[in-house]
């Protein structure tokens, strides 16, 4: 099976920028770069095997097909939806936020 392209929505890109800025300010360049590395690995993994993510929030919030996949070593969760020819990343949220509220925000 060929990997599908993974596309970040504008909101997801903003989430990622915010996380990188936070790590740069609070923990330094090496930690921020580690976050980027783990995020890229996560995106490659879901591009190759979209069913890796869990459907918990899809059921809880009635958001069909929204999957969640946690980053390794960083407290962030990637939320995405698989389409026929691509995967859209909706959000990249810190695990300690009110995830249901952030997912349904406009």
PDB file of N, CA and C in Angstrom:
ATOM      1  N   UNK A   1       0.834  -1.177   0.000  1.00  0.00           N
ATOM      2  CA  UNK A   1       0.000   0.000   0.000  1.00  0.00           C
ATOM      3  C   UNK A   1       0.885   1.250   0.000  1.00  0.00           C
ATOM      4  N   UNK A   2       0.531   2.210  -0.808  1.00  0.00           N
ATOM      5  CA  UNK A   2       1.254   3.467  -0.896  1.00  0.00           C
ATOM      6  C   UNK A   2       0.775   4.415   0.190  1.00  0.00           C
ATOM      7  N   UNK A   3       1.707   5.117   0.789  1.00  0.00           N
ATOM      8  CA  UNK A   3       1.355   6.084   1.828  1.00  0.00           C
ATOM      9  C   UNK A   3       0.558   7.227   1.220  1.00  0.00           C
ATOM     10  N   UNK A   4      -0.390   7.710   1.990  1.00  0.00           N
ATOM     11  CA  UNK A   4      -1.187   8.865   1.575  1.00  0.00           C
ATOM     12  C   UNK A   4      -0.497  10.139   2.046  1.00  0.00           C
ATOM     13  N   UNK A   5      -0.629  11.214   1.280  1.00  0.00           N
ATOM     14  CA  UNK A   5      -0.086  12.488   1.765  1.00  0.00           C
ATOM     15  C   UNK A   5      -0.859  12.955   2.991  1.00  0.00           C
ATOM     16  N   UNK A   6      -0.138  13.546   3.914  1.00  0.00           N
ATOM     17  CA  UNK A   6      -0.726  14.071   5.138  1.00  0.00           C
ATOM     18  C   UNK A   6      -0.674  15.592   5.056  1.00  0.00           C
ATOM     19  N   UNK A   7      -1.839  16.227   5.186  1.00  0.00           N
ATOM     20  CA  UNK A   7      -1.962  17.671   5.021  1.00  0.00           C
ATOM     21  C   UNK A   7      -2.439  18.292   6.328  1.00  0.00           C
ATOM     22  N   UNK A   8      -1.709  19.268   6.829  1.00  0.00           N
ATOM     23  CA  UNK A   8      -2.134  19.985   8.023  1.00  0.00           C
ATOM     24  C   UNK A   8      -3.102  21.093   7.644  1.00  0.00           C
ATOM     25  N   UNK A   9      -4.213  21.161   8.360  1.00  0.00           N
ATOM     26  CA  UNK A   9      -5.120  22.287   8.177  1.00  0.00           C
ATOM     27  C   UNK A   9      -4.457  23.531   8.766  1.00  0.00           C
ATOM     28  N   UNK A  10      -5.030  24.671   8.508  1.00  0.00           N
ATOM     29  CA  UNK A  10      -4.484  25.904   9.056  1.00  0.00           C
ATOM     30  C   UNK A  10      -4.466  25.856  10.582  1.00  0.00           C
ATOM     31  N   UNK A  11      -5.527  25.320  11.199  1.00  0.00           N
ATOM     32  CA  UNK A  11      -5.581  25.223  12.663  1.00  0.00           C
ATOM     33  C   UNK A  11      -4.475  24.307  13.182  1.00  0.00           C
ATOM     34  N   UNK A  12      -4.275  23.177  12.515  1.00  0.00           N
ATOM     35  CA  UNK A  12      -3.221  22.252  12.947  1.00  0.00           C
ATOM     36  C   UNK A  12      -1.846  22.901  12.822  1.00  0.00           C
ATOM     37  N   UNK A  13      -1.614  23.629  11.729  1.00  0.00           N
ATOM     38  CA  UNK A  13      -0.334  24.320  11.553  1.00  0.00           C
ATOM     39  C   UNK A  13      -0.126  25.357  12.659  1.00  0.00           C
ATOM     40  N   UNK A  14      -1.183  26.055  13.043  1.00  0.00           N
ATOM     41  CA  UNK A  14      -1.089  27.017  14.148  1.00  0.00           C
ATOM     42  C   UNK A  14      -0.783  26.303  15.464  1.00  0.00           C
ATOM     43  N   UNK A  15      -1.421  25.148  15.671  1.00  0.00           N
ATOM     44  CA  UNK A  15      -1.134  24.360  16.878  1.00  0.00           C
ATOM     45  C   UNK A  15       0.341  23.986  16.945  1.00  0.00           C
ATOM     46  N   UNK A  16       0.875  23.526  15.813  1.00  0.00           N
ATOM     47  CA  UNK A  16       2.275  23.108  15.757  1.00  0.00           C
ATOM     48  C   UNK A  16       3.199  24.298  16.018  1.00  0.00           C
ATOM     49  N   UNK A  17       2.910  25.423  15.392  1.00  0.00           N
ATOM     50  CA  UNK A  17       3.727  26.623  15.617  1.00  0.00           C
ATOM     51  C   UNK A  17       3.721  27.022  17.079  1.00  0.00           C
ATOM     52  N   UNK A  18       2.543  26.957  17.714  1.00  0.00           N
ATOM     53  CA  UNK A  18       2.443  27.291  19.132  1.00  0.00           C
ATOM     54  C   UNK A  18       3.253  26.348  20.000  1.00  0.00           C
ATOM     55  N   UNK A  19       3.214  25.070  19.695  1.00  0.00           N
ATOM     56  CA  UNK A  19       3.984  24.092  20.467  1.00  0.00           C
ATOM     57  C   UNK A  19       5.480  24.322  20.297  1.00  0.00           C
ATOM     58  N   UNK A  20       5.909  24.563  19.071  1.00  0.00           N
ATOM     59  CA  UNK A  20       7.335  24.815  18.820  1.00  0.00           C
ATOM     60  C   UNK A  20       7.777  26.072  19.558  1.00  0.00           C
ATOM     61  N   UNK A  21       6.995  27.140  19.471  1.00  0.00           N
ATOM     62  CA  UNK A  21       7.335  28.385  20.177  1.00  0.00           C
ATOM     63  C   UNK A  21       7.452  28.134  21.684  1.00  0.00           C
ATOM     64  N   UNK A  22       6.504  27.375  22.219  1.00  0.00           N
ATOM     65  CA  UNK A  22       6.532  27.057  23.652  1.00  0.00           C
ATOM     66  C   UNK A  22       7.823  26.323  24.008  1.00  0.00           C
ATOM     67  N   UNK A  23       8.155  25.296  23.260  1.00  0.00           N
ATOM     68  CA  UNK A  23       9.370  24.536  23.561  1.00  0.00           C
ATOM     69  C   UNK A  23      10.628  25.374  23.381  1.00  0.00           C
ATOM     70  N   UNK A  24      10.651  26.222  22.367  1.00  0.00           N
ATOM     71  CA  UNK A  24      11.816  27.094  22.184  1.00  0.00           C
ATOM     72  C   UNK A  24      12.006  28.019  23.380  1.00  0.00           C
ATOM     73  N   UNK A  25      10.924  28.585  23.883  1.00  0.00           N
ATOM     74  CA  UNK A  25      11.003  29.528  24.999  1.00  0.00           C
ATOM     75  C   UNK A  25      11.255  28.838  26.330  1.00  0.00           C
ATOM     76  N   UNK A  26      10.627  27.695  26.548  1.00  0.00           N
ATOM     77  CA  UNK A  26      10.664  27.057  27.859  1.00  0.00           C
ATOM     78  C   UNK A  26      11.722  25.968  28.013  1.00  0.00           C
ATOM     79  N   UNK A  27      12.117  25.328  26.914  1.00  0.00           N
ATOM     80  CA  UNK A  27      13.000  24.165  27.046  1.00  0.00           C
ATOM     81  C   UNK A  27      14.216  24.199  26.127  1.00  0.00           C
ATOM     82  N   UNK A  28      14.201  25.083  25.148  1.00  0.00           N
ATOM     83  CA  UNK A  28      15.360  25.205  24.280  1.00  0.00           C
ATOM     84  C   UNK A  28      15.196  24.550  22.922  1.00  0.00           C
ATOM     85  N   UNK A  29      16.175  24.819  22.098  1.00  0.00           N
ATOM     86  CA  UNK A  29      16.148  24.398  20.698  1.00  0.00           C
ATOM     87  C   UNK A  29      16.157  22.877  20.527  1.00  0.00           C
ATOM     88  N   UNK A  30      16.919  22.180  21.346  1.00  0.00           N
ATOM     89  CA  UNK A  30      17.004  20.723  21.207  1.00  0.00           C
ATOM     90  C   UNK A  30      15.648  20.061  21.477  1.00  0.00           C
ATOM     91  N   UNK A  31      14.933  20.532  22.476  1.00  0.00           N
ATOM     92  CA  UNK A  31      13.622  19.964  22.794  1.00  0.00           C
ATOM     93  C   UNK A  31      12.620  20.303  21.694  1.00  0.00           C
ATOM     94  N   UNK A  32      12.665  21.530  21.192  1.00  0.00           N
ATOM     95  CA  UNK A  32      11.776  21.918  20.092  1.00  0.00           C
ATOM     96  C   UNK A  32      12.054  21.068  18.855  1.00  0.00           C
ATOM     97  N   UNK A  33      13.318  20.836  18.554  1.00  0.00           N
ATOM     98  CA  UNK A  33      13.674  19.996  17.405  1.00  0.00           C
ATOM     99  C   UNK A  33      13.217  18.556  17.632  1.00  0.00           C
ATOM    100  N   UNK A  34      13.306  18.071  18.857  1.00  0.00           N
ATOM    101  CA  UNK A  34      12.819  16.734  19.177  1.00  0.00           C
ATOM    102  C   UNK A  34      11.324  16.613  18.958  1.00  0.00           C
ATOM    103  N   UNK A  35      10.590  17.657  19.324  1.00  0.00           N
ATOM    104  CA  UNK A  35       9.146  17.683  19.086  1.00  0.00           C
ATOM    105  C   UNK A  35       8.862  17.578  17.590  1.00  0.00           C
ATOM    106  N   UNK A  36       9.565  18.355  16.795  1.00  0.00           N
ATOM    107  CA  UNK A  36       9.376  18.326  15.336  1.00  0.00           C
ATOM    108  C   UNK A  36       9.692  16.936  14.793  1.00  0.00           C
ATOM    109  N   UNK A  37      10.762  16.327  15.263  1.00  0.00           N
ATOM    110  CA  UNK A  37      11.127  14.976  14.813  1.00  0.00           C
ATOM    111  C   UNK A  37      10.026  13.973  15.133  1.00  0.00           C
ATOM    112  N   UNK A  38       9.497  14.017  16.355  1.00  0.00           N
ATOM    113  CA  UNK A  38       8.437  13.074  16.747  1.00  0.00           C
ATOM    114  C   UNK A  38       7.147  13.343  15.986  1.00  0.00           C
ATOM    115  N   UNK A  39       6.849  14.613  15.721  1.00  0.00           N
ATOM    116  CA  UNK A  39       5.662  14.946  14.940  1.00  0.00           C
ATOM    117  C   UNK A  39       5.802  14.411  13.516  1.00  0.00           C
ATOM    118  N   UNK A  40       6.956  14.626  12.905  1.00  0.00           N
ATOM    119  CA  UNK A  40       7.183  14.123  11.552  1.00  0.00           C
ATOM    120  C   UNK A  40       7.077  12.602  11.501  1.00  0.00           C
ATOM    121  N   UNK A  41       7.603  11.921  12.502  1.00  0.00           N
ATOM    122  CA  UNK A  41       7.493  10.457  12.561  1.00  0.00           C
ATOM    123  C   UNK A  41       6.033  10.029  12.688  1.00  0.00           C
ATOM    124  N   UNK A  42       5.275  10.751  13.483  1.00  0.00           N
ATOM    125  CA  UNK A  42       3.849  10.461  13.649  1.00  0.00           C
ATOM    126  C   UNK A  42       3.111  10.643  12.326  1.00  0.00           C
ATOM    127  N   UNK A  43       3.388  11.714  11.628  1.00  0.00           N
ATOM    128  CA  UNK A  43       2.707  11.988  10.358  1.00  0.00           C
ATOM    129  C   UNK A  43       3.057  10.934   9.309  1.00  0.00           C
ATOM    130  N   UNK A  44       4.304  10.492   9.297  1.00  0.00           N
ATOM    131  CA  UNK A  44       4.689   9.404   8.381  1.00  0.00           C
ATOM    132  C   UNK A  44       3.942   8.117   8.741  1.00  0.00           C
ATOM    133  N   UNK A  45       3.835   7.842  10.020  1.00  0.00           N
ATOM    134  CA  UNK A  45       3.159   6.617  10.470  1.00  0.00           C
ATOM    135  C   UNK A  45       1.683   6.624  10.079  1.00  0.00           C
ATOM    136  N   UNK A  46       0.994   7.724  10.317  1.00  0.00           N
ATOM    137  CA  UNK A  46      -0.440   7.745   9.973  1.00  0.00           C
ATOM    138  C   UNK A  46      -0.640   7.825   8.462  1.00  0.00           C
ATOM    139  N   UNK A  47       0.318   8.397   7.740  1.00  0.00           N
ATOM    140  CA  UNK A  47       0.234   8.393   6.286  1.00  0.00           C
ATOM    141  C   UNK A  47       0.334   6.983   5.727  1.00  0.00           C
ATOM    142  N   UNK A  48       1.151   6.169   6.367  1.00  0.00           N
ATOM    143  CA  UNK A  48       1.341   4.792   5.919  1.00  0.00           C
ATOM    144  C   UNK A  48       0.295   3.829   6.438  1.00  0.00           C
ATOM    145  N   UNK A  49      -0.218   4.103   7.638  1.00  0.00           N
ATOM    146  CA  UNK A  49      -1.223   3.233   8.258  1.00  0.00           C
ATOM    147  C   UNK A  49      -2.260   4.094   8.968  1.00  0.00           C
ATOM    148  N   UNK A  50      -3.193   4.651   8.231  1.00  0.00           N
ATOM    149  CA  UNK A  50      -4.160   5.583   8.817  1.00  0.00           C
ATOM    150  C   UNK A  50      -4.999   5.011   9.963  1.00  0.00           C
ATOM    151  N   UNK A  51      -5.174   3.703  10.001  1.00  0.00           N
ATOM    152  CA  UNK A  51      -5.998   3.110  11.052  1.00  0.00           C
ATOM    153  C   UNK A  51      -5.268   3.008  12.391  1.00  0.00           C
ATOM    154  N   UNK A  52      -4.032   3.489  12.477  1.00  0.00           N
ATOM    155  CA  UNK A  52      -3.292   3.440  13.733  1.00  0.00           C
ATOM    156  C   UNK A  52      -3.970   4.227  14.844  1.00  0.00           C
ATOM    157  N   UNK A  53      -4.580   5.329  14.511  1.00  0.00           N
ATOM    158  CA  UNK A  53      -5.196   6.190  15.519  1.00  0.00           C
ATOM    159  C   UNK A  53      -6.449   5.580  16.106  1.00  0.00           C
ATOM    160  N   UNK A  54      -6.796   6.048  17.297  1.00  0.00           N
ATOM    161  CA  UNK A  54      -7.997   5.536  17.944  1.00  0.00           C
ATOM    162  C   UNK A  54      -9.185   6.463  17.686  1.00  0.00           C
ATOM    163  N   UNK A  55     -10.377   5.904  17.810  1.00  0.00           N
ATOM    164  CA  UNK A  55     -11.615   6.607  17.452  1.00  0.00           C
ATOM    165  C   UNK A  55     -12.378   7.144  18.661  1.00  0.00           C
ATOM    166  N   UNK A  56     -11.766   7.207  19.794  1.00  0.00           N
ATOM    167  CA  UNK A  56     -12.467   7.615  21.021  1.00  0.00           C
ATOM    168  C   UNK A  56     -13.258   8.913  20.852  1.00  0.00           C
ATOM    169  N   UNK A  57     -12.614   9.946  20.366  1.00  0.00           N
ATOM    170  CA  UNK A  57     -13.287  11.241  20.246  1.00  0.00           C
ATOM    171  C   UNK A  57     -14.326  11.244  19.135  1.00  0.00           C
ATOM    172  N   UNK A  58     -14.141  10.431  18.127  1.00  0.00           N
ATOM    173  CA  UNK A  58     -15.149  10.309  17.068  1.00  0.00           C
ATOM    174  C   UNK A  58     -16.466   9.851  17.671  1.00  0.00           C
ATOM    175  N   UNK A  59     -16.396   8.910  18.588  1.00  0.00           N
ATOM    176  CA  UNK A  59     -17.607   8.394  19.230  1.00  0.00           C
ATOM    177  C   UNK A  59     -18.146   9.371  20.274  1.00  0.00           C
ATOM    178  N   UNK A  60     -17.260   9.903  21.103  1.00  0.00           N
ATOM    179  CA  UNK A  60     -17.676  10.813  22.175  1.00  0.00           C
ATOM    180  C   UNK A  60     -18.325  12.085  21.654  1.00  0.00           C
ATOM    181  N   UNK A  61     -17.789  12.631  20.581  1.00  0.00           N
ATOM    182  CA  UNK A  61     -18.226  13.937  20.086  1.00  0.00           C
ATOM    183  C   UNK A  61     -19.040  13.859  18.805  1.00  0.00           C
ATOM    184  N   UNK A  62     -19.327  12.663  18.369  1.00  0.00           N
ATOM    185  CA  UNK A  62     -20.061  12.462  17.122  1.00  0.00           C
ATOM    186  C   UNK A  62     -19.360  13.174  15.959  1.00  0.00           C
ATOM    187  N   UNK A  63     -18.059  12.943  15.870  1.00  0.00           N
ATOM    188  CA  UNK A  63     -17.240  13.465  14.777  1.00  0.00           C
ATOM    189  C   UNK A  63     -16.767  12.252  13.971  1.00  0.00           C
ATOM    190  N   UNK A  64     -17.551  11.842  12.994  1.00  0.00           N
ATOM    191  CA  UNK A  64     -17.256  10.596  12.273  1.00  0.00           C
ATOM    192  C   UNK A  64     -15.831  10.563  11.720  1.00  0.00           C
ATOM    193  N   UNK A  65     -15.181   9.438  11.979  1.00  0.00           N
ATOM    194  CA  UNK A  65     -13.874   9.121  11.406  1.00  0.00           C
ATOM    195  C   UNK A  65     -12.704   9.945  11.934  1.00  0.00           C
ATOM    196  N   UNK A  66     -12.908  10.764  12.952  1.00  0.00           N
ATOM    197  CA  UNK A  66     -11.787  11.500  13.520  1.00  0.00           C
ATOM    198  C   UNK A  66     -10.972  10.536  14.367  1.00  0.00           C
ATOM    199  N   UNK A  67      -9.707  10.415  14.028  1.00  0.00           N
ATOM    200  CA  UNK A  67      -8.806   9.537  14.769  1.00  0.00           C
ATOM    201  C   UNK A  67      -7.796  10.381  15.539  1.00  0.00           C
ATOM    202  N   UNK A  68      -7.283   9.798  16.600  1.00  0.00           N
ATOM    203  CA  UNK A  68      -6.291  10.478  17.428  1.00  0.00           C
ATOM    204  C   UNK A  68      -5.078   9.572  17.589  1.00  0.00           C
ATOM    205  N   UNK A  69      -3.906  10.175  17.524  1.00  0.00           N
ATOM    206  CA  UNK A  69      -2.673   9.412  17.673  1.00  0.00           C
ATOM    207  C   UNK A  69      -1.712  10.245  18.511  1.00  0.00           C
ATOM    208  N   UNK A  70      -1.254   9.712  19.657  1.00  0.00           N
ATOM    209  CA  UNK A  70      -0.362  10.488  20.528  1.00  0.00           C
ATOM    210  C   UNK A  70       1.077  10.494  20.016  1.00  0.00           C
ATOM    211  N   UNK A  71       1.760  11.607  20.256  1.00  0.00           N
ATOM    212  CA  UNK A  71       3.184  11.683  19.938  1.00  0.00           C
ATOM    213  C   UNK A  71       3.970  10.920  20.998  1.00  0.00           C
ATOM    214  N   UNK A  72       5.057  10.330  20.592  1.00  0.00           N
ATOM    215  CA  UNK A  72       5.952   9.682  21.550  1.00  0.00           C
ATOM    216  C   UNK A  72       6.784  10.739  22.265  1.00  0.00           C
ATOM    217  N   UNK A  73       6.894  10.598  23.577  1.00  0.00           N
ATOM    218  CA  UNK A  73       7.747  11.441  24.427  1.00  0.00           C
ATOM    219  C   UNK A  73       7.288  12.886  24.562  1.00  0.00           C
ATOM    220  N   UNK A  74       6.215  13.285  23.921  1.00  0.00           N
ATOM    221  CA  UNK A  74       5.702  14.645  24.034  1.00  0.00           C
ATOM    222  C   UNK A  74       4.206  14.560  24.315  1.00  0.00           C
ATOM    223  N   UNK A  75       3.677  15.449  25.160  1.00  0.00           N
ATOM    224  CA  UNK A  75       2.271  15.341  25.556  1.00  0.00           C
ATOM    225  C   UNK A  75       1.303  15.969  24.548  1.00  0.00           C
ATOM    226  N   UNK A  76       1.412  15.565  23.309  1.00  0.00           N
ATOM    227  CA  UNK A  76       0.537  16.082  22.254  1.00  0.00           C
ATOM    228  C   UNK A  76      -0.163  14.936  21.549  1.00  0.00           C
ATOM    229  N   UNK A  77      -1.355  15.241  21.040  1.00  0.00           N
ATOM    230  CA  UNK A  77      -2.158  14.260  20.313  1.00  0.00           C
ATOM    231  C   UNK A  77      -2.504  14.851  18.952  1.00  0.00           C
ATOM    232  N   UNK A  78      -2.313  14.061  17.908  1.00  0.00           N
ATOM    233  CA  UNK A  78      -2.625  14.474  16.537  1.00  0.00           C
ATOM    234  C   UNK A  78      -4.008  13.941  16.191  1.00  0.00           C
ATOM    235  N   UNK A  79      -4.897  14.831  15.753  1.00  0.00           N
ATOM    236  CA  UNK A  79      -6.252  14.462  15.352  1.00  0.00           C
ATOM    237  C   UNK A  79      -6.370  14.595  13.841  1.00  0.00           C
ATOM    238  N   UNK A  80      -6.873  13.553  13.209  1.00  0.00           N
ATOM    239  CA  UNK A  80      -6.886  13.535  11.745  1.00  0.00           C
ATOM    240  C   UNK A  80      -8.064  12.739  11.205  1.00  0.00           C
ATOM    241  N   UNK A  81      -8.329  12.969   9.918  1.00  0.00           N
ATOM    242  CA  UNK A  81      -9.387  12.265   9.197  1.00  0.00           C
ATOM    243  C   UNK A  81      -8.793  11.727   7.904  1.00  0.00           C
ATOM    244  N   UNK A  82      -9.064  10.473   7.638  1.00  0.00           N
ATOM    245  CA  UNK A  82      -8.596   9.850   6.396  1.00  0.00           C
ATOM    246  C   UNK A  82      -9.623  10.065   5.289  1.00  0.00           C
ATOM    247  N   UNK A  83      -9.119  10.449   4.128  1.00  0.00           N
ATOM    248  CA  UNK A  83      -9.933  10.564   2.915  1.00  0.00           C
ATOM    249  C   UNK A  83      -9.386   9.559   1.899  1.00  0.00           C
ATOM    250  N   UNK A  84     -10.021   9.465   0.759  1.00  0.00           N
ATOM    251  CA  UNK A  84      -9.587   8.497  -0.249  1.00  0.00           C
ATOM    252  C   UNK A  84      -8.134   8.687  -0.681  1.00  0.00           C
ATOM    253  N   UNK A  85      -7.714   9.935  -0.840  1.00  0.00           N
ATOM    254  CA  UNK A  85      -6.383  10.180  -1.409  1.00  0.00           C
ATOM    255  C   UNK A  85      -5.455  11.004  -0.527  1.00  0.00           C
ATOM    256  N   UNK A  86      -5.897  11.305   0.692  1.00  0.00           N
ATOM    257  CA  UNK A  86      -5.052  12.088   1.596  1.00  0.00           C
ATOM    258  C   UNK A  86      -5.559  11.938   3.029  1.00  0.00           C
ATOM    259  N   UNK A  87      -4.776  12.468   3.938  1.00  0.00           N
ATOM    260  CA  UNK A  87      -5.158  12.530   5.349  1.00  0.00           C
ATOM    261  C   UNK A  87      -5.066  13.982   5.776  1.00  0.00           C
ATOM    262  N   UNK A  88      -6.160  14.483   6.348  1.00  0.00           N
ATOM    263  CA  UNK A  88      -6.184  15.857   6.855  1.00  0.00           C
ATOM    264  C   UNK A  88      -5.962  15.835   8.357  1.00  0.00           C
ATOM    265  N   UNK A  89      -4.943  16.557   8.810  1.00  0.00           N
ATOM    266  CA  UNK A  89      -4.706  16.716  10.243  1.00  0.00           C
ATOM    267  C   UNK A  89      -5.508  17.932  10.686  1.00  0.00           C
ATOM    268  N   UNK A  90      -6.467  17.687  11.571  1.00  0.00           N
ATOM    269  CA  UNK A  90      -7.340  18.758  12.050  1.00  0.00           C
ATOM    270  C   UNK A  90      -6.684  19.606  13.115  1.00  0.00           C
ATOM    271  N   UNK A  91      -6.111  18.918  14.127  1.00  0.00           N
ATOM    272  CA  UNK A  91      -5.525  19.630  15.269  1.00  0.00           C
ATOM    273  C   UNK A  91      -4.335  18.850  15.795  1.00  0.00           C
ATOM    274  N   UNK A  92      -3.446  19.547  16.481  1.00  0.00           N
ATOM    275  CA  UNK A  92      -2.347  18.944  17.235  1.00  0.00           C
ATOM    276  C   UNK A  92      -2.427  19.599  18.610  1.00  0.00           C
ATOM    277  N   UNK A  93      -3.025  18.873  19.561  1.00  0.00           N
ATOM    278  CA  UNK A  93      -3.375  19.466  20.848  1.00  0.00           C
ATOM    279  C   UNK A  93      -2.596  18.850  22.003  1.00  0.00           C
ATOM    280  N   UNK A  94      -2.296  19.688  22.990  1.00  0.00           N
ATOM    281  CA  UNK A  94      -1.666  19.210  24.210  1.00  0.00           C
ATOM    282  C   UNK A  94      -2.647  18.298  24.924  1.00  0.00           C
ATOM    283  N   UNK A  95      -2.165  17.194  25.435  1.00  0.00           N
ATOM    284  CA  UNK A  95      -3.026  16.186  26.057  1.00  0.00           C
ATOM    285  C   UNK A  95      -3.726  16.688  27.315  1.00  0.00           C
ATOM    286  N   UNK A  96      -3.238  17.760  27.925  1.00  0.00           N
ATOM    287  CA  UNK A  96      -3.841  18.273  29.144  1.00  0.00           C
ATOM    288  C   UNK A  96      -4.873  19.370  28.891  1.00  0.00           C
ATOM    289  N   UNK A  97      -5.137  19.685  27.632  1.00  0.00           N
ATOM    290  CA  UNK A  97      -6.160  20.688  27.338  1.00  0.00           C
ATOM    291  C   UNK A  97      -7.527  20.027  27.357  1.00  0.00           C
ATOM    292  N   UNK A  98      -8.548  20.822  27.278  1.00  0.00           N
ATOM    293  CA  UNK A  98      -9.911  20.304  27.169  1.00  0.00           C
ATOM    294  C   UNK A  98     -10.120  19.913  25.708  1.00  0.00           C
ATOM    295  N   UNK A  99      -9.683  18.720  25.379  1.00  0.00           N
ATOM    296  CA  UNK A  99      -9.658  18.270  23.991  1.00  0.00           C
ATOM    297  C   UNK A  99     -11.039  18.338  23.337  1.00  0.00           C
ATOM    298  N   UNK A 100     -12.103  17.855  23.949  1.00  0.00           N
ATOM    299  CA  UNK A 100     -13.414  17.954  23.288  1.00  0.00           C
ATOM    300  C   UNK A 100     -13.791  19.392  22.929  1.00  0.00           C
ATOM    301  N   UNK A 101     -13.519  20.324  23.821  1.00  0.00           N
ATOM    302  CA  UNK A 101     -13.851  21.722  23.538  1.00  0.00           C
ATOM    303  C   UNK A 101     -13.029  22.259  22.372  1.00  0.00           C
ATOM    304  N   UNK A 102     -11.743  21.917  22.319  1.00  0.00           N
ATOM    305  CA  UNK A 102     -10.891  22.406  21.236  1.00  0.00           C
ATOM    306  C   UNK A 102     -11.230  21.781  19.895  1.00  0.00           C
ATOM    307  N   UNK A 103     -11.664  20.527  19.917  1.00  0.00           N
ATOM    308  CA  UNK A 103     -11.986  19.867  18.650  1.00  0.00           C
ATOM    309  C   UNK A 103     -13.227  20.438  17.979  1.00  0.00           C
ATOM    310  N   UNK A 104     -14.183  20.877  18.777  1.00  0.00           N
ATOM    311  CA  UNK A 104     -15.435  21.348  18.182  1.00  0.00           C
ATOM    312  C   UNK A 104     -15.473  22.862  17.985  1.00  0.00           C
ATOM    313  N   UNK A 105     -14.396  23.554  18.354  1.00  0.00           N
ATOM    314  CA  UNK A 105     -14.336  24.997  18.121  1.00  0.00           C
ATOM    315  C   UNK A 105     -14.289  25.289  16.627  1.00  0.00           C
ATOM    316  N   UNK A 106     -14.843  26.419  16.257  1.00  0.00           N
ATOM    317  CA  UNK A 106     -14.785  26.834  14.832  1.00  0.00           C
ATOM    318  C   UNK A 106     -13.392  27.226  14.459  1.00  0.00           C
TER     319      UNK A 106
END
